[in-house]
Amino acid sequence: MDTVRDCPTDVQRAIAAKASEGTPLYWAAADLTSSGHYQNGWLVATPTAVHLVIDGRLTDTVKRTDAVRFEARSMTGSGVFLVTGSQESRALAWFSRGHAPDHQRLAAVLGADPPPAPREQSAAADGLLPVQKGGFARDWVAEPLRNPRTTLGRLLKFLRPHSGALALALGLFVVANLLTLLIPQLMRILIDDWLVPRTIEPVPVLGLLGAMAGTYILHALVTIGRNRTVARLSADLIHDLRQAVFASLQRMPLRYIADKPPGDVLNRVAVDTANLRQFLQRWGTDGVSQIGLFVLLCAITFSQDWRLALLTVSTMPLVILMAIAVWRIARWMERTHHRLHDRIGSLVHDTLAGIRVVKAFRQEPAEVARYRDWTARKYVIDVRNQKIWRTMGPAIDFGLRLGELLVLLAGGALVLAGELQLGELVQFAAYVVLLVEPMAWMGQVPQRLVEALTSAERIFEAMDQKDDLPVPPNPERPDVQGGVSFEGVGFAYRPGEPVLDGFTLDIAPGEMIGLVGASGAGKSTVANLLLRLYDVSTGRITVDGVNLRELDLEVHRRHMGVVLQDPFLFSGTIAENIGYALPEASRADIVAAAGIAQAHDFITAFPDGYDTLVGERGQRLSGGERQRISIARAVLHNPRILILDEATSALDLETEARIHAALAALTEGRTVIAIAHRLATLSRADRLVVLDRGRILETGTHQELMEARGRYWAMVQAQRILAESRMLSAVPNG
């Protein structure tokens, strides 16, 4: 990004001719078109607008207002400058990767968050000093906080099915509190009626002591019952929460899951619900007891002596003021703590999943350094968080003990003046000790409540993510024949980065279509849209003439079969993974499907056969074995429309040929969309479609495309030359 002094003259003339609001302030090269070709373009910022100038002509203008934000997003070899606001969200300009720093600074000048500064290199062995200097502000989570009353209200809704257990727990709390308050009353009677007059009668005194002992025993039994009830209640509540969160995960839009690190989603299901359970067991339920005890004690002490009672609670405003002072910043810091915790969990997850790659490239020290960096950043937040609470706790305790001391001093003076009996002072002091406990508990509530609210907010945030696929009120449930039509389909995973653009293709029922093209051409996106994992941005997709958006999604996917490019197996047996597509399938059906997929022989070679455990993500099997099991799963599904997305990419040519021969019977009469880089695997396709940058470049049979000598012909020639070179290199010399 440069100043106006370096701005090309033709750019300044274009701005001056058509923009009268001021002279250019900053500019950055916009040297790419949306299709990736080079151009002579600049993005220019003036005091009131941002202009795009191409070849000396002003081609686009965006006014600078408070409602408009600018963002420079870098990709692998290029970048896009985005404008978002209430009226529009679009890509304004594209640039090559070398100009990314200029656009980042331009976005910062225009009001976006400034790019992070380079990390300082510290001479400290633990590497914490740079983080302590600037990590806190950098890792701060600037997200809107939810209304705590709303969050608590949603939590209470989960208690409704357990109202009986809740009523029992509350009743036991009341009984336990009443028994707690009975002990000081018995102590007062013992002191004033028997000890002070020194007229001890064995039977009444022993009866009084027996009543005290019985009260202690009964209080212990009630407390045990209360704790067991609360433990069951909190376990039931967390069980319901976990079920609801996991069910919501199945409905989450793929965009949300793709944008979140794995540790984020996992922690919301496991860690955040565990935090809530701990709060409910140790703090939430205690709150009912402590608040009830506080109210009863206030009523008793104020009725007994309002002067001493007022001294006892005189320090409560201190507790309230300190809680208010730290409440908001503590909630921000707790959210930041969770965000960093998620990032660390994702780092551990990724490292363990790719441990072979880490070891193969000797990157263990680099991974340790990454882990140390993230834990150091979390360390800063945790230390600052704990400093607040560790300072607040002793300060509150001091205030409470000060009130207790004032009561003893004032009460002693009243006893000496004859206005209060000694037993009454002892009773009052006992109540004060009891009253200090709920007051001290209230002093610790902000920390625990912040932790619980943060976990609850994260859980509800995940649960609130609704599927972004609109569901029609009366969905169509036709008998699918397999006709598919893409009509002017456009789609982008991210704004300003189109993957498909005006894609139009008609597929007849029972036709086999082969999609070919370079990586990133949009082949797998076609499959994702047909499965309706995403919705089209423009245009529409029809199945047998019915708009895909009007179809019942469950019925539609029941007629779809898919073998993805990356075969995924669940942790379990081979039979369970094949039968995943059809849970009611018999063992004979599973074996038959495995036979078609050329998987039966290697499965039966295992000692446990179809009951062989595949390990996490199927890591105990080779890539080719995993793909054959994935194919068997699709075979068992018996779909009307079959998608093969690089389904045989991990197989040797001989096995691949056997599978295609076996699939010939399966694909007969079914619509098949096959995606492959190895063009020889598409020889059975009725028609080939060549994609380039989301558009159809060529279409026709293999013979027709070869005769046209276009892109497909060039791809075939390139693969043929590569195959011949590999064969020659495999021949021994001499």
Foldseek 3Di string as FASTA:
>chain_A
DDAPVPDDPLQQVQCVVPPDPAGWGDKFFQQADLQGDGFGWMWTDGPFWIFIAGPSHTDDIDTQDPFKAWDWADDDFKIFIWIDGPVDTFTDGIGTPVRSVVSQVVRVVSPDPHDDDDQDDDPDPLRQVSCLVPLVVVLFDPDDDDDLVVLVVVLVVLCVVVVVLVVLLLVLLVVLLVLLLVLLVLLLCCCPVDVVVVPDDVPVVVVSVVVNVVSVVVSVVSVVVSLVSQLVSLVSSLVVLLVLLVVLVVFFAPLVVVVAQPLLSVCLNPVLSVLLSVCSNPPVSVLSNLVVSLVVLLVVLCVLPVVLSCLQCVLLVVLVVLLVVCQPVLLSLLLSLSVLVSVLVSLVVVCVVVVVVCVVVVVVVVSVVVNSVSVSSSVSSVVVSVVSLVVQLVVQVVSNVSSLVVSVVVVVVCVVVVNDPPSRSSSNSSSSVSNSVSSSSSSCVSNSVSSSSSSSVSSVVSSPRGRPQDADPQADQDDFQAKKWFAQFWADSDHHNIQAGGATDTFDFLAEEEEEEDPSLCQVVVVCVQLPSDDTPDTFMDGVRHTPSRHDNVSSVLQEFEQAQQQFAAFFFLLCRLCVLPVVDDPVLLLVLLVLLVQQVVQVVDPVRRRDTLPHRSVVDDRQNSLSSSSSSRLSSLHQEYEYHQSRVRDDPVSLVSNLVSCVVSSGRHYYYYYHLPVVSCQVGQKYFYGGSNYTDDMGHPVVVCVVCPPVVVSVVVVVVVVVVVVVVVDDDD
